[in-house]
């Protein structure tokens, strides 16, 4: 179960650019894995570009919070949230996962340990030229229907209320 309607707001560089909804909704609680860079339901919805610093929150983030956290990688190291070292801060309360893509074998979620696997042609690449920050790696998806990161199913992703997903996204095609 969950709400019967939903709205989705889009922010670019911390500024609201569009809101869609309210739209009628039927929430489907299931055991599907979470995908970053592709849609399981809409196979033709593919992404070509770079994605980094994907964060999943169980609360709504304000425009100021989104803007203030641009280019901030959370959990960029193994065990960085041991003892809730990051999420005990009121600023990061309700942060469930934060995926970084600096490892070619695993897309690390060093907040909750829900690490993802690279699928198809998706890969971690060293991004040059300050995108999004000078020393960063990012997920590269090459417009294939099977290019994505797959995070394991977990009940924490079965939202039945408001939440936020934010990421650095750089489309190249």
C-alpha atoms as a PDB file:
ATOM      1  CA  UNK A   1       0.000   0.000   0.000  1.00  0.00           C
ATOM      2  CA  UNK A   2       0.818   3.642  -0.085  1.00  0.00           C
ATOM      3  CA  UNK A   3      -0.569   6.949  -1.255  1.00  0.00           C
ATOM      4  CA  UNK A   4      -3.099   7.000  -4.084  1.00  0.00           C
ATOM      5  CA  UNK A   5      -1.417   9.910  -5.870  1.00  0.00           C
ATOM      6  CA  UNK A   6       2.145  11.102  -6.274  1.00  0.00           C
ATOM      7  CA  UNK A   7       4.090  14.052  -7.618  1.00  0.00           C
ATOM      8  CA  UNK A   8       7.646  14.059  -8.928  1.00  0.00           C
ATOM      9  CA  UNK A   9       9.747  17.220  -8.788  1.00  0.00           C
ATOM     10  CA  UNK A  10      12.873  17.726 -10.888  1.00  0.00           C
ATOM     11  CA  UNK A  11      15.732  19.926  -9.730  1.00  0.00           C
ATOM     12  CA  UNK A  12      18.732  20.980 -11.796  1.00  0.00           C
ATOM     13  CA  UNK A  13      21.681  22.393  -9.859  1.00  0.00           C
ATOM     14  CA  UNK A  14      19.445  22.741  -6.817  1.00  0.00           C
ATOM     15  CA  UNK A  15      16.743  24.758  -8.611  1.00  0.00           C
ATOM     16  CA  UNK A  16      13.241  23.399  -9.206  1.00  0.00           C
ATOM     17  CA  UNK A  17      12.708  23.036 -12.967  1.00  0.00           C
ATOM     18  CA  UNK A  18       9.482  21.012 -13.197  1.00  0.00           C
ATOM     19  CA  UNK A  19       6.896  19.114 -11.173  1.00  0.00           C
ATOM     20  CA  UNK A  20       4.749  16.367 -12.644  1.00  0.00           C
ATOM     21  CA  UNK A  21       1.548  15.420 -10.855  1.00  0.00           C
ATOM     22  CA  UNK A  22      -0.299  14.811  -8.767  1.00  0.00           C
ATOM     23  CA  UNK A  23      -0.872  11.606 -10.717  1.00  0.00           C
ATOM     24  CA  UNK A  24      -2.900   8.551  -9.740  1.00  0.00           C
ATOM     25  CA  UNK A  25      -0.645   5.854  -8.334  1.00  0.00           C
ATOM     26  CA  UNK A  26      -0.737   2.189  -7.571  1.00  0.00           C
ATOM     27  CA  UNK A  27       2.258   1.298  -5.436  1.00  0.00           C
ATOM     28  CA  UNK A  28       3.769  -2.073  -6.250  1.00  0.00           C
ATOM     29  CA  UNK A  29       5.774  -3.544  -3.387  1.00  0.00           C
ATOM     30  CA  UNK A  30       7.898  -6.276  -4.925  1.00  0.00           C
ATOM     31  CA  UNK A  31      11.283  -7.961  -4.896  1.00  0.00           C
ATOM     32  CA  UNK A  32      12.676  -6.280  -8.009  1.00  0.00           C
ATOM     33  CA  UNK A  33      16.257  -5.150  -7.764  1.00  0.00           C
ATOM     34  CA  UNK A  34      17.000  -1.447  -7.879  1.00  0.00           C
ATOM     35  CA  UNK A  35      18.572  -0.304 -11.169  1.00  0.00           C
ATOM     36  CA  UNK A  36      20.711   2.765 -11.710  1.00  0.00           C
ATOM     37  CA  UNK A  37      20.923   3.840 -15.367  1.00  0.00           C
ATOM     38  CA  UNK A  38      18.041   1.737 -16.764  1.00  0.00           C
ATOM     39  CA  UNK A  39      14.448   0.756 -16.155  1.00  0.00           C
ATOM     40  CA  UNK A  40      13.264  -2.808 -15.737  1.00  0.00           C
ATOM     41  CA  UNK A  41       9.689  -1.838 -16.536  1.00  0.00           C
ATOM     42  CA  UNK A  42      10.445   0.345 -19.551  1.00  0.00           C
ATOM     43  CA  UNK A  43      13.089  -1.562 -21.519  1.00  0.00           C
ATOM     44  CA  UNK A  44      13.305   1.144 -24.181  1.00  0.00           C
ATOM     45  CA  UNK A  45      14.118   3.794 -21.533  1.00  0.00           C
ATOM     46  CA  UNK A  46      17.905   3.667 -21.761  1.00  0.00           C
ATOM     47  CA  UNK A  47      20.507   6.173 -20.660  1.00  0.00           C
ATOM     48  CA  UNK A  48      23.669   7.319 -22.404  1.00  0.00           C
ATOM     49  CA  UNK A  49      26.023   9.286 -20.206  1.00  0.00           C
ATOM     50  CA  UNK A  50      27.578   9.528 -16.776  1.00  0.00           C
ATOM     51  CA  UNK A  51      25.984   9.179 -13.346  1.00  0.00           C
ATOM     52  CA  UNK A  52      27.585   9.696  -9.953  1.00  0.00           C
ATOM     53  CA  UNK A  53      26.824  10.131  -6.265  1.00  0.00           C
ATOM     54  CA  UNK A  54      23.383   8.491  -6.341  1.00  0.00           C
ATOM     55  CA  UNK A  55      21.626   8.925  -2.996  1.00  0.00           C
ATOM     56  CA  UNK A  56      18.362   7.371  -1.766  1.00  0.00           C
ATOM     57  CA  UNK A  57      16.524   9.130   1.071  1.00  0.00           C
ATOM     58  CA  UNK A  58      13.315   8.161   2.887  1.00  0.00           C
ATOM     59  CA  UNK A  59      12.421  11.837   3.291  1.00  0.00           C
ATOM     60  CA  UNK A  60      11.872  14.802   1.017  1.00  0.00           C
ATOM     61  CA  UNK A  61      14.990  16.929   0.511  1.00  0.00           C
ATOM     62  CA  UNK A  62      14.507  20.671   0.085  1.00  0.00           C
ATOM     63  CA  UNK A  63      15.930  22.699  -2.792  1.00  0.00           C
ATOM     64  CA  UNK A  64      18.510  24.162  -0.370  1.00  0.00           C
ATOM     65  CA  UNK A  65      19.552  20.718   0.841  1.00  0.00           C
ATOM     66  CA  UNK A  66      19.936  19.476  -2.735  1.00  0.00           C
ATOM     67  CA  UNK A  67      21.888  22.563  -3.778  1.00  0.00           C
ATOM     68  CA  UNK A  68      24.134  22.488  -0.691  1.00  0.00           C
ATOM     69  CA  UNK A  69      25.040  18.832  -1.258  1.00  0.00           C
ATOM     70  CA  UNK A  70      25.913  19.008  -4.942  1.00  0.00           C
ATOM     71  CA  UNK A  71      29.288  17.410  -5.592  1.00  0.00           C
ATOM     72  CA  UNK A  72      29.354  15.821  -2.129  1.00  0.00           C
ATOM     73  CA  UNK A  73      30.175  12.129  -2.135  1.00  0.00           C
ATOM     74  CA  UNK A  74      28.880  10.465   0.992  1.00  0.00           C
ATOM     75  CA  UNK A  75      30.485   7.301   2.175  1.00  0.00           C
ATOM     76  CA  UNK A  76      33.387   7.258  -0.277  1.00  0.00           C
ATOM     77  CA  UNK A  77      35.263   4.719   1.828  1.00  0.00           C
ATOM     78  CA  UNK A  78      34.618   1.251   3.188  1.00  0.00           C
ATOM     79  CA  UNK A  79      32.844   1.244   6.555  1.00  0.00           C
ATOM     80  CA  UNK A  80      32.484   5.040   6.536  1.00  0.00           C
ATOM     81  CA  UNK A  81      29.081   4.826   8.224  1.00  0.00           C
ATOM     82  CA  UNK A  82      30.033   2.338  10.958  1.00  0.00           C
ATOM     83  CA  UNK A  83      28.101   3.207  14.078  1.00  0.00           C
ATOM     84  CA  UNK A  84      26.009   5.623  11.967  1.00  0.00           C
ATOM     85  CA  UNK A  85      28.992   7.986  11.770  1.00  0.00           C
ATOM     86  CA  UNK A  86      27.376   9.823   8.830  1.00  0.00           C
ATOM     87  CA  UNK A  87      23.654   9.169   9.224  1.00  0.00           C
ATOM     88  CA  UNK A  88      23.621  10.119  12.932  1.00  0.00           C
ATOM     89  CA  UNK A  89      23.981  13.746  11.802  1.00  0.00           C
ATOM     90  CA  UNK A  90      20.597  15.453  11.508  1.00  0.00           C
ATOM     91  CA  UNK A  91      21.746  16.710   8.092  1.00  0.00           C
ATOM     92  CA  UNK A  92      21.973  13.110   6.803  1.00  0.00           C
ATOM     93  CA  UNK A  93      19.065  11.578   8.712  1.00  0.00           C
ATOM     94  CA  UNK A  94      16.943   9.333   6.496  1.00  0.00           C
ATOM     95  CA  UNK A  95      19.807   8.670   4.068  1.00  0.00           C
ATOM     96  CA  UNK A  96      19.497   4.996   3.170  1.00  0.00           C
ATOM     97  CA  UNK A  97      22.097   4.520   0.437  1.00  0.00           C
ATOM     98  CA  UNK A  98      24.796   6.479  -1.348  1.00  0.00           C
ATOM     99  CA  UNK A  99      26.404   4.771  -4.325  1.00  0.00           C
ATOM    100  CA  UNK A 100      29.819   5.756  -5.591  1.00  0.00           C
ATOM    101  CA  UNK A 101      31.410   4.313  -8.679  1.00  0.00           C
ATOM    102  CA  UNK A 102      35.153   4.341  -8.038  1.00  0.00           C
ATOM    103  CA  UNK A 103      35.480   0.577  -7.992  1.00  0.00           C
ATOM    104  CA  UNK A 104      35.338  -1.341 -11.281  1.00  0.00           C
ATOM    105  CA  UNK A 105      34.005  -4.517  -9.669  1.00  0.00           C
ATOM    106  CA  UNK A 106      31.331  -3.129  -7.351  1.00  0.00           C
ATOM    107  CA  UNK A 107      29.258   0.039  -7.113  1.00  0.00           C
ATOM    108  CA  UNK A 108      29.775   0.678  -3.429  1.00  0.00           C
ATOM    109  CA  UNK A 109      27.021   1.770  -1.055  1.00  0.00           C
ATOM    110  CA  UNK A 110      29.144   2.573   1.949  1.00  0.00           C
ATOM    111  CA  UNK A 111      26.161   3.885   3.918  1.00  0.00           C
ATOM    112  CA  UNK A 112      24.155   0.656   4.196  1.00  0.00           C
ATOM    113  CA  UNK A 113      26.242  -1.901   2.304  1.00  0.00           C
ATOM    114  CA  UNK A 114      23.701  -2.510  -0.484  1.00  0.00           C
ATOM    115  CA  UNK A 115      26.490  -2.679  -3.056  1.00  0.00           C
ATOM    116  CA  UNK A 116      25.540  -2.876  -6.709  1.00  0.00           C
ATOM    117  CA  UNK A 117      26.923  -4.893  -9.604  1.00  0.00           C
ATOM    118  CA  UNK A 118      27.814  -3.546 -13.028  1.00  0.00           C
ATOM    119  CA  UNK A 119      25.692  -5.120 -15.769  1.00  0.00           C
ATOM    120  CA  UNK A 120      26.310  -5.175 -19.515  1.00  0.00           C
ATOM    121  CA  UNK A 121      28.474  -2.328 -20.783  1.00  0.00           C
ATOM    122  CA  UNK A 122      28.111  -0.200 -17.645  1.00  0.00           C
ATOM    123  CA  UNK A 123      31.474   0.581 -16.119  1.00  0.00           C
ATOM    124  CA  UNK A 124      33.281   2.911 -13.722  1.00  0.00           C
ATOM    125  CA  UNK A 125      35.480   5.426 -15.517  1.00  0.00           C
ATOM    126  CA  UNK A 126      37.843   8.141 -14.351  1.00  0.00           C
ATOM    127  CA  UNK A 127      36.131  11.396 -15.283  1.00  0.00           C
ATOM    128  CA  UNK A 128      38.506  14.154 -16.281  1.00  0.00           C
ATOM    129  CA  UNK A 129      37.926  17.877 -16.556  1.00  0.00           C
ATOM    130  CA  UNK A 130      36.177  18.466 -13.250  1.00  0.00           C
ATOM    131  CA  UNK A 131      32.993  16.517 -13.941  1.00  0.00           C
ATOM    132  CA  UNK A 132      31.574  16.395 -11.325  1.00  0.00           C
ATOM    133  CA  UNK A 133      34.715  16.994  -9.262  1.00  0.00           C
ATOM    134  CA  UNK A 134      38.348  16.902 -10.427  1.00  0.00           C
ATOM    135  CA  UNK A 135      39.382  13.537  -8.983  1.00  0.00           C
ATOM    136  CA  UNK A 136      36.211  11.580  -9.474  1.00  0.00           C
ATOM    137  CA  UNK A 137      35.056   8.347 -11.015  1.00  0.00           C
ATOM    138  CA  UNK A 138      31.534   7.939 -12.396  1.00  0.00           C
ATOM    139  CA  UNK A 139      29.219   5.282 -13.788  1.00  0.00           C
ATOM    140  CA  UNK A 140      29.231   5.256 -17.584  1.00  0.00           C
ATOM    141  CA  UNK A 141      26.179   3.880 -19.414  1.00  0.00           C
ATOM    142  CA  UNK A 142      26.441   3.503 -23.181  1.00  0.00           C
ATOM    143  CA  UNK A 143      22.799   3.650 -24.312  1.00  0.00           C
ATOM    144  CA  UNK A 144      22.310  -0.104 -24.129  1.00  0.00           C
ATOM    145  CA  UNK A 145      19.224  -1.692 -22.628  1.00  0.00           C
ATOM    146  CA  UNK A 146      21.514  -3.838 -20.491  1.00  0.00           C
ATOM    147  CA  UNK A 147      23.938  -1.147 -19.279  1.00  0.00           C
ATOM    148  CA  UNK A 148      23.210  -0.343 -15.637  1.00  0.00           C
ATOM    149  CA  UNK A 149      24.109  -0.979 -12.021  1.00  0.00           C
ATOM    150  CA  UNK A 150      21.916  -3.413 -10.153  1.00  0.00           C
ATOM    151  CA  UNK A 151      21.593  -3.032  -6.382  1.00  0.00           C
ATOM    152  CA  UNK A 152      20.130  -5.920  -4.402  1.00  0.00           C
ATOM    153  CA  UNK A 153      16.468  -5.891  -3.421  1.00  0.00           C
ATOM    154  CA  UNK A 154      15.860  -4.634   0.080  1.00  0.00           C
ATOM    155  CA  UNK A 155      12.593  -3.753   1.796  1.00  0.00           C
ATOM    156  CA  UNK A 156      14.000  -0.308   2.629  1.00  0.00           C
ATOM    157  CA  UNK A 157      13.527   0.660  -1.048  1.00  0.00           C
ATOM    158  CA  UNK A 158       9.803  -0.195  -0.944  1.00  0.00           C
ATOM    159  CA  UNK A 159       8.695   3.372  -0.362  1.00  0.00           C
ATOM    160  CA  UNK A 160       5.112   3.815   0.741  1.00  0.00           C
ATOM    161  CA  UNK A 161       5.497   7.555   1.204  1.00  0.00           C
ATOM    162  CA  UNK A 162       7.573  10.540   0.202  1.00  0.00           C
ATOM    163  CA  UNK A 163      11.272  10.236  -0.508  1.00  0.00           C
ATOM    164  CA  UNK A 164      14.118  11.597  -2.622  1.00  0.00           C
ATOM    165  CA  UNK A 165      16.632  10.217  -5.071  1.00  0.00           C
ATOM    166  CA  UNK A 166      19.362  12.587  -6.103  1.00  0.00           C
ATOM    167  CA  UNK A 167      22.363  12.155  -8.354  1.00  0.00           C
ATOM    168  CA  UNK A 168      24.877  13.920 -10.531  1.00  0.00           C
ATOM    169  CA  UNK A 169      23.719  13.158 -14.092  1.00  0.00           C
ATOM    170  CA  UNK A 170      25.552  14.063 -17.299  1.00  0.00           C
ATOM    171  CA  UNK A 171      23.777  12.853 -20.459  1.00  0.00           C
ATOM    172  CA  UNK A 172      26.008  12.449 -23.511  1.00  0.00           C
ATOM    173  CA  UNK A 173      23.433  11.272 -26.044  1.00  0.00           C
END
